[in-house]
Amino acid sequence: MSQQLSPKTYGLTARTVLEQLDETTIAIVINRKSRIIMADGKKILEKVRVVKKHQPKATIVLKTNAPLCSKTRLYLEAEGIPVIALLSSAY
């Protein structure tokens, strides 16, 4: 049931990939090979806050196939952002 959402609706850049997973869950999709580090984690958290302004009751998750720095994973999960493995490279 997942469908692409327009990032412009939320005031995000066109390079941001958003996916509606179900009625209440929105995923920020990052499809790359390089590691996601803390600097990336802070940018992701800022995007989550922007989406939350538009849909306060939505659950936001990170969907990625990139390796994730352990500190960054803990940082995002402490902020309530679960990480889901992206298995296909459809993006």
PDB file of N, CA and C in Angstrom:
ATOM      1  N   MET A   1       0.815  -1.197   0.000  1.00  0.00           N
ATOM      2  CA  MET A   1       0.000   0.000   0.000  1.00  0.00           C
ATOM      3  C   MET A   1       0.859   1.263   0.000  1.00  0.00           C
ATOM      4  N   SER A   2       2.165   1.110   0.081  1.00  0.00           N
ATOM      5  CA  SER A   2       2.999   2.300   0.160  1.00  0.00           C
ATOM      6  C   SER A   2       2.917   3.106  -1.132  1.00  0.00           C
ATOM      7  N   GLN A   3       2.914   4.424  -0.951  1.00  0.00           N
ATOM      8  CA  GLN A   3       2.861   5.322  -2.102  1.00  0.00           C
ATOM      9  C   GLN A   3       3.774   6.503  -1.848  1.00  0.00           C
ATOM     10  N   GLN A   4       4.285   7.075  -2.928  1.00  0.00           N
ATOM     11  CA  GLN A   4       5.175   8.221  -2.842  1.00  0.00           C
ATOM     12  C   GLN A   4       4.386   9.460  -2.420  1.00  0.00           C
ATOM     13  N   LEU A   5       5.000  10.275  -1.599  1.00  0.00           N
ATOM     14  CA  LEU A   5       4.421  11.558  -1.212  1.00  0.00           C
ATOM     15  C   LEU A   5       5.296  12.663  -1.791  1.00  0.00           C
ATOM     16  N   SER A   6       4.692  13.784  -2.087  1.00  0.00           N
ATOM     17  CA  SER A   6       5.449  14.918  -2.602  1.00  0.00           C
ATOM     18  C   SER A   6       6.132  15.644  -1.445  1.00  0.00           C
ATOM     19  N   PRO A   7       7.464  15.755  -1.473  1.00  0.00           N
ATOM     20  CA  PRO A   7       8.153  16.469  -0.392  1.00  0.00           C
ATOM     21  C   PRO A   7       7.830  17.964  -0.379  1.00  0.00           C
ATOM     22  N   LYS A   8       7.446  18.498  -1.531  1.00  0.00           N
ATOM     23  CA  LYS A   8       7.115  19.931  -1.593  1.00  0.00           C
ATOM     24  C   LYS A   8       5.882  20.255  -0.752  1.00  0.00           C
ATOM     25  N   THR A   9       4.994  19.273  -0.593  1.00  0.00           N
ATOM     26  CA  THR A   9       3.814  19.456   0.251  1.00  0.00           C
ATOM     27  C   THR A   9       4.220  19.805   1.675  1.00  0.00           C
ATOM     28  N   TYR A  10       5.355  19.264   2.100  1.00  0.00           N
ATOM     29  CA  TYR A  10       5.845  19.465   3.463  1.00  0.00           C
ATOM     30  C   TYR A  10       6.907  20.553   3.547  1.00  0.00           C
ATOM     31  N   GLY A  11       7.238  21.159   2.415  1.00  0.00           N
ATOM     32  CA  GLY A  11       8.259  22.199   2.415  1.00  0.00           C
ATOM     33  C   GLY A  11       9.674  21.649   2.426  1.00  0.00           C
ATOM     34  N   LEU A  12       9.845  20.411   1.960  1.00  0.00           N
ATOM     35  CA  LEU A  12      11.171  19.793   1.895  1.00  0.00           C
ATOM     36  C   LEU A  12      11.702  19.863   0.468  1.00  0.00           C
ATOM     37  N   THR A  13      12.992  19.635   0.318  1.00  0.00           N
ATOM     38  CA  THR A  13      13.587  19.674  -1.018  1.00  0.00           C
ATOM     39  C   THR A  13      13.081  18.516  -1.870  1.00  0.00           C
ATOM     40  N   ALA A  14      13.146  18.688  -3.175  1.00  0.00           N
ATOM     41  CA  ALA A  14      12.643  17.683  -4.110  1.00  0.00           C
ATOM     42  C   ALA A  14      13.456  16.391  -4.048  1.00  0.00           C
ATOM     43  N   ARG A  15      14.675  16.453  -3.529  1.00  0.00           N
ATOM     44  CA  ARG A  15      15.520  15.256  -3.431  1.00  0.00           C
ATOM     45  C   ARG A  15      15.111  14.346  -2.269  1.00  0.00           C
ATOM     46  N   THR A  16      14.299  14.850  -1.369  1.00  0.00           N
ATOM     47  CA  THR A  16      13.825  14.053  -0.244  1.00  0.00           C
ATOM     48  C   THR A  16      12.771  13.072  -0.743  1.00  0.00           C
ATOM     49  N   VAL A  17      12.912  11.807  -0.373  1.00  0.00           N
ATOM     50  CA  VAL A  17      11.948  10.788  -0.782  1.00  0.00           C
ATOM     51  C   VAL A  17      11.093  10.432   0.428  1.00  0.00           C
ATOM     52  N   LEU A  18       9.795  10.658   0.289  1.00  0.00           N
ATOM     53  CA  LEU A  18       8.837  10.322   1.339  1.00  0.00           C
ATOM     54  C   LEU A  18       7.895   9.252   0.823  1.00  0.00           C
ATOM     55  N   GLU A  19       7.540   8.331   1.700  1.00  0.00           N
ATOM     56  CA  GLU A  19       6.675   7.227   1.319  1.00  0.00           C
ATOM     57  C   GLU A  19       5.627   7.020   2.410  1.00  0.00           C
ATOM     58  N   GLN A  20       4.378   6.938   2.009  1.00  0.00           N
ATOM     59  CA  GLN A  20       3.276   6.660   2.948  1.00  0.00           C
ATOM     60  C   GLN A  20       3.181   5.141   3.083  1.00  0.00           C
ATOM     61  N   LEU A  21       3.535   4.603   4.258  1.00  0.00           N
ATOM     62  CA  LEU A  21       3.528   3.156   4.461  1.00  0.00           C
ATOM     63  C   LEU A  21       2.139   2.637   4.815  1.00  0.00           C
ATOM     64  N   ASP A  22       1.445   3.369   5.673  1.00  0.00           N
ATOM     65  CA  ASP A  22       0.048   3.066   5.996  1.00  0.00           C
ATOM     66  C   ASP A  22      -0.621   4.379   6.376  1.00  0.00           C
ATOM     67  N   GLU A  23      -1.804   4.325   6.952  1.00  0.00           N
ATOM     68  CA  GLU A  23      -2.547   5.562   7.224  1.00  0.00           C
ATOM     69  C   GLU A  23      -1.807   6.525   8.137  1.00  0.00           C
ATOM     70  N   THR A  24      -1.021   6.001   9.069  1.00  0.00           N
ATOM     71  CA  THR A  24      -0.384   6.875  10.050  1.00  0.00           C
ATOM     72  C   THR A  24       1.139   6.876   9.986  1.00  0.00           C
ATOM     73  N   THR A  25       1.745   6.115   9.085  1.00  0.00           N
ATOM     74  CA  THR A  25       3.202   6.002   9.050  1.00  0.00           C
ATOM     75  C   THR A  25       3.773   6.561   7.756  1.00  0.00           C
ATOM     76  N   ILE A  26       4.750   7.455   7.923  1.00  0.00           N
ATOM     77  CA  ILE A  26       5.460   8.047   6.794  1.00  0.00           C
ATOM     78  C   ILE A  26       6.933   7.682   6.929  1.00  0.00           C
ATOM     79  N   ALA A  27       7.539   7.228   5.833  1.00  0.00           N
ATOM     80  CA  ALA A  27       8.960   6.868   5.837  1.00  0.00           C
ATOM     81  C   ALA A  27       9.770   7.897   5.068  1.00  0.00           C
ATOM     82  N   ILE A  28      10.910   8.257   5.635  1.00  0.00           N
ATOM     83  CA  ILE A  28      11.911   9.018   4.905  1.00  0.00           C
ATOM     84  C   ILE A  28      12.838   7.962   4.327  1.00  0.00           C
ATOM     85  N   VAL A  29      12.943   7.913   3.006  1.00  0.00           N
ATOM     86  CA  VAL A  29      13.693   6.856   2.333  1.00  0.00           C
ATOM     87  C   VAL A  29      15.056   7.390   1.894  1.00  0.00           C
ATOM     88  N   ILE A  30      16.108   6.679   2.296  1.00  0.00           N
ATOM     89  CA  ILE A  30      17.467   7.024   1.882  1.00  0.00           C
ATOM     90  C   ILE A  30      18.073   5.790   1.232  1.00  0.00           C
ATOM     91  N   ASN A  31      18.295   5.882  -0.068  1.00  0.00           N
ATOM     92  CA  ASN A  31      18.858   4.768  -0.823  1.00  0.00           C
ATOM     93  C   ASN A  31      20.240   5.176  -1.307  1.00  0.00           C
ATOM     94  N   ARG A  32      21.260   4.750  -0.572  1.00  0.00           N
ATOM     95  CA  ARG A  32      22.638   5.043  -0.952  1.00  0.00           C
ATOM     96  C   ARG A  32      23.560   3.986  -0.358  1.00  0.00           C
ATOM     97  N   LYS A  33      24.803   4.001  -0.790  1.00  0.00           N
ATOM     98  CA  LYS A  33      25.758   3.001  -0.319  1.00  0.00           C
ATOM     99  C   LYS A  33      26.615   3.509   0.832  1.00  0.00           C
ATOM    100  N   SER A  34      26.813   4.824   0.920  1.00  0.00           N
ATOM    101  CA  SER A  34      27.696   5.359   1.954  1.00  0.00           C
ATOM    102  C   SER A  34      27.005   5.375   3.320  1.00  0.00           C
ATOM    103  N   ARG A  35      27.807   5.270   4.348  1.00  0.00           N
ATOM    104  CA  ARG A  35      27.333   5.193   5.726  1.00  0.00           C
ATOM    105  C   ARG A  35      26.572   6.462   6.134  1.00  0.00           C
ATOM    106  N   ILE A  36      25.533   6.269   6.927  1.00  0.00           N
ATOM    107  CA  ILE A  36      24.797   7.396   7.501  1.00  0.00           C
ATOM    108  C   ILE A  36      25.455   7.711   8.837  1.00  0.00           C
ATOM    109  N   ILE A  37      25.995   8.932   8.952  1.00  0.00           N
ATOM    110  CA  ILE A  37      26.701   9.345  10.163  1.00  0.00           C
ATOM    111  C   ILE A  37      25.862  10.358  10.932  1.00  0.00           C
ATOM    112  N   MET A  38      26.383  10.814  12.055  1.00  0.00           N
ATOM    113  CA  MET A  38      25.628  11.701  12.940  1.00  0.00           C
ATOM    114  C   MET A  38      25.182  12.981  12.235  1.00  0.00           C
ATOM    115  N   ALA A  39      25.998  13.541  11.367  1.00  0.00           N
ATOM    116  CA  ALA A  39      25.598  14.757  10.639  1.00  0.00           C
ATOM    117  C   ALA A  39      24.345  14.483   9.815  1.00  0.00           C
ATOM    118  N   ASP A  40      24.299  13.302   9.192  1.00  0.00           N
ATOM    119  CA  ASP A  40      23.107  12.913   8.435  1.00  0.00           C
ATOM    120  C   ASP A  40      21.923  12.723   9.378  1.00  0.00           C
ATOM    121  N   GLY A  41      22.186  12.135  10.533  1.00  0.00           N
ATOM    122  CA  GLY A  41      21.129  11.893  11.516  1.00  0.00           C
ATOM    123  C   GLY A  41      20.462  13.186  11.957  1.00  0.00           C
ATOM    124  N   LYS A  42      21.245  14.234  12.130  1.00  0.00           N
ATOM    125  CA  LYS A  42      20.686  15.525  12.530  1.00  0.00           C
ATOM    126  C   LYS A  42      19.828  16.122  11.417  1.00  0.00           C
ATOM    127  N   LYS A  43      20.252  15.942  10.164  1.00  0.00           N
ATOM    128  CA  LYS A  43      19.453  16.424   9.028  1.00  0.00           C
ATOM    129  C   LYS A  43      18.143  15.631   8.923  1.00  0.00           C
ATOM    130  N   ILE A  44      18.231  14.329   9.167  1.00  0.00           N
ATOM    131  CA  ILE A  44      17.031  13.485   9.140  1.00  0.00           C
ATOM    132  C   ILE A  44      16.060  13.926  10.217  1.00  0.00           C
ATOM    133  N   LEU A  45      16.577  14.190  11.415  1.00  0.00           N
ATOM    134  CA  LEU A  45      15.721  14.636  12.513  1.00  0.00           C
ATOM    135  C   LEU A  45      15.035  15.960  12.177  1.00  0.00           C
ATOM    136  N   GLU A  46      15.737  16.851  11.493  1.00  0.00           N
ATOM    137  CA  GLU A  46      15.133  18.126  11.087  1.00  0.00           C
ATOM    138  C   GLU A  46      14.004  17.888  10.093  1.00  0.00           C
ATOM    139  N   LYS A  47      14.193  16.951   9.156  1.00  0.00           N
ATOM    140  CA  LYS A  47      13.133  16.618   8.204  1.00  0.00           C
ATOM    141  C   LYS A  47      11.934  16.020   8.921  1.00  0.00           C
ATOM    142  N   VAL A  48      12.194  15.195   9.921  1.00  0.00           N
ATOM    143  CA  VAL A  48      11.106  14.604  10.711  1.00  0.00           C
ATOM    144  C   VAL A  48      10.297  15.707  11.382  1.00  0.00           C
ATOM    145  N   ARG A  49      10.970  16.690  11.931  1.00  0.00           N
ATOM    146  CA  ARG A  49      10.266  17.796  12.610  1.00  0.00           C
ATOM    147  C   ARG A  49       9.408  18.598  11.639  1.00  0.00           C
ATOM    148  N   VAL A  50       9.894  18.778  10.416  1.00  0.00           N
ATOM    149  CA  VAL A  50       9.121  19.503   9.400  1.00  0.00           C
ATOM    150  C   VAL A  50       7.858  18.721   9.046  1.00  0.00           C
ATOM    151  N   VAL A  51       7.988  17.411   8.859  1.00  0.00           N
ATOM    152  CA  VAL A  51       6.823  16.581   8.528  1.00  0.00           C
ATOM    153  C   VAL A  51       5.841  16.579   9.690  1.00  0.00           C
ATOM    154  N   LYS A  52       6.365  16.519  10.921  1.00  0.00           N
ATOM    155  CA  LYS A  52       5.501  16.495  12.114  1.00  0.00           C
ATOM    156  C   LYS A  52       4.693  17.792  12.255  1.00  0.00           C
ATOM    157  N   LYS A  53       5.220  18.911  11.758  1.00  0.00           N
ATOM    158  CA  LYS A  53       4.467  20.170  11.801  1.00  0.00           C
ATOM    159  C   LYS A  53       3.201  20.071  10.959  1.00  0.00           C
ATOM    160  N   HIS A  54       3.294  19.337   9.837  1.00  0.00           N
ATOM    161  CA  HIS A  54       2.153  19.196   8.943  1.00  0.00           C
ATOM    162  C   HIS A  54       1.226  18.065   9.355  1.00  0.00           C
ATOM    163  N   GLN A  55       1.781  16.995   9.917  1.00  0.00           N
ATOM    164  CA  GLN A  55       0.991  15.849  10.359  1.00  0.00           C
ATOM    165  C   GLN A  55       1.475  15.428  11.744  1.00  0.00           C
ATOM    166  N   PRO A  56       0.999  16.119  12.787  1.00  0.00           N
ATOM    167  CA  PRO A  56       1.503  15.873  14.140  1.00  0.00           C
ATOM    168  C   PRO A  56       1.268  14.451  14.659  1.00  0.00           C
ATOM    169  N   LYS A  57       0.242  13.776  14.166  1.00  0.00           N
ATOM    170  CA  LYS A  57      -0.059  12.441  14.678  1.00  0.00           C
ATOM    171  C   LYS A  57       0.622  11.330  13.887  1.00  0.00           C
ATOM    172  N   ALA A  58       1.356  11.675  12.850  1.00  0.00           N
ATOM    173  CA  ALA A  58       2.012  10.669  12.010  1.00  0.00           C
ATOM    174  C   ALA A  58       3.218  10.068  12.726  1.00  0.00           C
ATOM    175  N   THR A  59       3.453   8.805  12.461  1.00  0.00           N
ATOM    176  CA  THR A  59       4.659   8.128  12.920  1.00  0.00           C
ATOM    177  C   THR A  59       5.661   8.195  11.773  1.00  0.00           C
ATOM    178  N   ILE A  60       6.868   8.681  12.067  1.00  0.00           N
ATOM    179  CA  ILE A  60       7.893   8.833  11.044  1.00  0.00           C
ATOM    180  C   ILE A  60       8.971   7.778  11.274  1.00  0.00           C
ATOM    181  N   VAL A  61       9.348   7.080  10.205  1.00  0.00           N
ATOM    182  CA  VAL A  61      10.412   6.083  10.284  1.00  0.00           C
ATOM    183  C   VAL A  61      11.462   6.390   9.232  1.00  0.00           C
ATOM    184  N   LEU A  62      12.655   5.854   9.429  1.00  0.00           N
ATOM    185  CA  LEU A  62      13.723   5.966   8.442  1.00  0.00           C
ATOM    186  C   LEU A  62      13.841   4.625   7.748  1.00  0.00           C
ATOM    187  N   LYS A  63      13.756   4.644   6.429  1.00  0.00           N
ATOM    188  CA  LYS A  63      13.856   3.424   5.624  1.00  0.00           C
ATOM    189  C   LYS A  63      15.113   3.572   4.769  1.00  0.00           C
ATOM    190  N   THR A  64      16.109   2.713   5.003  1.00  0.00           N
ATOM    191  CA  THR A  64      17.383   2.871   4.302  1.00  0.00           C
ATOM    192  C   THR A  64      18.065   1.537   4.045  1.00  0.00           C
ATOM    193  N   ASN A  65      18.920   1.523   3.018  1.00  0.00           N
ATOM    194  CA  ASN A  65      19.755   0.363   2.759  1.00  0.00           C
ATOM    195  C   ASN A  65      21.211   0.660   3.109  1.00  0.00           C
ATOM    196  N   ALA A  66      21.496   1.870   3.567  1.00  0.00           N
ATOM    197  CA  ALA A  66      22.854   2.279   3.911  1.00  0.00           C
ATOM    198  C   ALA A  66      23.230   1.787   5.302  1.00  0.00           C
ATOM    199  N   PRO A  67      24.514   1.497   5.511  1.00  0.00           N
ATOM    200  CA  PRO A  67      24.949   1.168   6.866  1.00  0.00           C
ATOM    201  C   PRO A  67      24.745   2.385   7.767  1.00  0.00           C
ATOM    202  N   LEU A  68      24.404   2.129   9.003  1.00  0.00           N
ATOM    203  CA  LEU A  68      24.083   3.210   9.931  1.00  0.00           C
ATOM    204  C   LEU A  68      25.062   3.185  11.098  1.00  0.00           C
ATOM    205  N   CYS A  69      25.704   4.299  11.357  1.00  0.00           N
ATOM    206  CA  CYS A  69      26.598   4.433  12.501  1.00  0.00           C
ATOM    207  C   CYS A  69      25.816   4.082  13.763  1.00  0.00           C
ATOM    208  N   SER A  70      26.414   3.331  14.671  1.00  0.00           N
ATOM    209  CA  SER A  70      25.695   2.880  15.867  1.00  0.00           C
ATOM    210  C   SER A  70      25.233   4.056  16.730  1.00  0.00           C
ATOM    211  N   LYS A  71      26.051   5.101  16.835  1.00  0.00           N
ATOM    212  CA  LYS A  71      25.646   6.278  17.618  1.00  0.00           C
ATOM    213  C   LYS A  71      24.447   6.970  16.969  1.00  0.00           C
ATOM    214  N   THR A  72      24.456   7.017  15.653  1.00  0.00           N
ATOM    215  CA  THR A  72      23.358   7.656  14.934  1.00  0.00           C
ATOM    216  C   THR A  72      22.077   6.857  15.098  1.00  0.00           C
ATOM    217  N   ARG A  73      22.170   5.522  15.038  1.00  0.00           N
ATOM    218  CA  ARG A  73      20.996   4.675  15.249  1.00  0.00           C
ATOM    219  C   ARG A  73      20.407   4.932  16.647  1.00  0.00           C
ATOM    220  N   LEU A  74      21.267   4.968  17.660  1.00  0.00           N
ATOM    221  CA  LEU A  74      20.795   5.233  19.020  1.00  0.00           C
ATOM    222  C   LEU A  74      20.171   6.625  19.129  1.00  0.00           C
ATOM    223  N   TYR A  75      20.793   7.601  18.489  1.00  0.00           N
ATOM    224  CA  TYR A  75      20.296   8.976  18.488  1.00  0.00           C
ATOM    225  C   TYR A  75      18.893   9.056  17.884  1.00  0.00           C
ATOM    226  N   LEU A  76      18.712   8.432  16.712  1.00  0.00           N
ATOM    227  CA  LEU A  76      17.412   8.479  16.043  1.00  0.00           C
ATOM    228  C   LEU A  76      16.360   7.709  16.840  1.00  0.00           C
ATOM    229  N   GLU A  77      16.721   6.537  17.345  1.00  0.00           N
ATOM    230  CA  GLU A  77      15.756   5.749  18.113  1.00  0.00           C
ATOM    231  C   GLU A  77      15.395   6.442  19.423  1.00  0.00           C
ATOM    232  N   ALA A  78      16.337   7.166  20.033  1.00  0.00           N
ATOM    233  CA  ALA A  78      16.037   7.939  21.241  1.00  0.00           C
ATOM    234  C   ALA A  78      15.061   9.071  20.939  1.00  0.00           C
ATOM    235  N   GLU A  79      15.086   9.564  19.708  1.00  0.00           N
ATOM    236  CA  GLU A  79      14.163  10.611  19.287  1.00  0.00           C
ATOM    237  C   GLU A  79      12.840  10.030  18.781  1.00  0.00           C
ATOM    238  N   GLY A  80      12.697   8.706  18.846  1.00  0.00           N
ATOM    239  CA  GLY A  80      11.445   8.068  18.452  1.00  0.00           C
ATOM    240  C   GLY A  80      11.338   7.784  16.971  1.00  0.00           C
ATOM    241  N   ILE A  81      12.482   7.626  16.297  1.00  0.00           N
ATOM    242  CA  ILE A  81      12.494   7.355  14.861  1.00  0.00           C
ATOM    243  C   ILE A  81      13.060   5.960  14.636  1.00  0.00           C
ATOM    244  N   PRO A  82      12.201   4.959  14.432  1.00  0.00           N
ATOM    245  CA  PRO A  82      12.709   3.613  14.161  1.00  0.00           C
ATOM    246  C   PRO A  82      13.367   3.526  12.787  1.00  0.00           C
ATOM    247  N   VAL A  83      14.296   2.595  12.640  1.00  0.00           N
ATOM    248  CA  VAL A  83      15.007   2.392  11.382  1.00  0.00           C
ATOM    249  C   VAL A  83      14.560   1.073  10.778  1.00  0.00           C
ATOM    250  N   ILE A  84      14.168   1.114   9.502  1.00  0.00           N
ATOM    251  CA  ILE A  84      13.720  -0.065   8.771  1.00  0.00           C
ATOM    252  C   ILE A  84      14.690  -0.308   7.626  1.00  0.00           C
ATOM    253  N   ALA A  85      15.062  -1.562   7.420  1.00  0.00           N
ATOM    254  CA  ALA A  85      15.960  -1.916   6.317  1.00  0.00           C
ATOM    255  C   ALA A  85      15.207  -1.840   4.989  1.00  0.00           C
ATOM    256  N   LEU A  86      15.799  -1.177   4.032  1.00  0.00           N
ATOM    257  CA  LEU A  86      15.255  -1.091   2.677  1.00  0.00           C
ATOM    258  C   LEU A  86      15.860  -2.242   1.877  1.00  0.00           C
ATOM    259  N   LEU A  87      15.030  -3.189   1.478  1.00  0.00           N
ATOM    260  CA  LEU A  87      15.553  -4.394   0.837  1.00  0.00           C
ATOM    261  C   LEU A  87      15.683  -4.258  -0.664  1.00  0.00           C
ATOM    262  N   SER A  88      14.815  -3.484  -1.300  1.00  0.00           N
ATOM    263  CA  SER A  88      14.890  -3.365  -2.749  1.00  0.00           C
ATOM    264  C   SER A  88      15.529  -2.024  -3.112  1.00  0.00           C
ATOM    265  N   SER A  89      16.068  -1.960  -4.311  1.00  0.00           N
ATOM    266  CA  SER A  89      16.661  -0.713  -4.787  1.00  0.00           C
ATOM    267  C   SER A  89      15.767  -0.115  -5.856  1.00  0.00           C
ATOM    268  N   ALA A  90      14.503   0.046  -5.529  1.00  0.00           N
ATOM    269  CA  ALA A  90      13.519   0.536  -6.501  1.00  0.00           C
ATOM    270  C   ALA A  90      13.555   2.041  -6.650  1.00  0.00           C
ATOM    271  N   TYR A  91      14.360   2.733  -5.876  1.00  0.00           N
ATOM    272  CA  TYR A  91      14.364   4.198  -5.938  1.00  0.00           C
ATOM    273  C   TYR A  91      15.509   4.708  -6.719  1.00  0.00           C
TER     274      TYR A  91
END
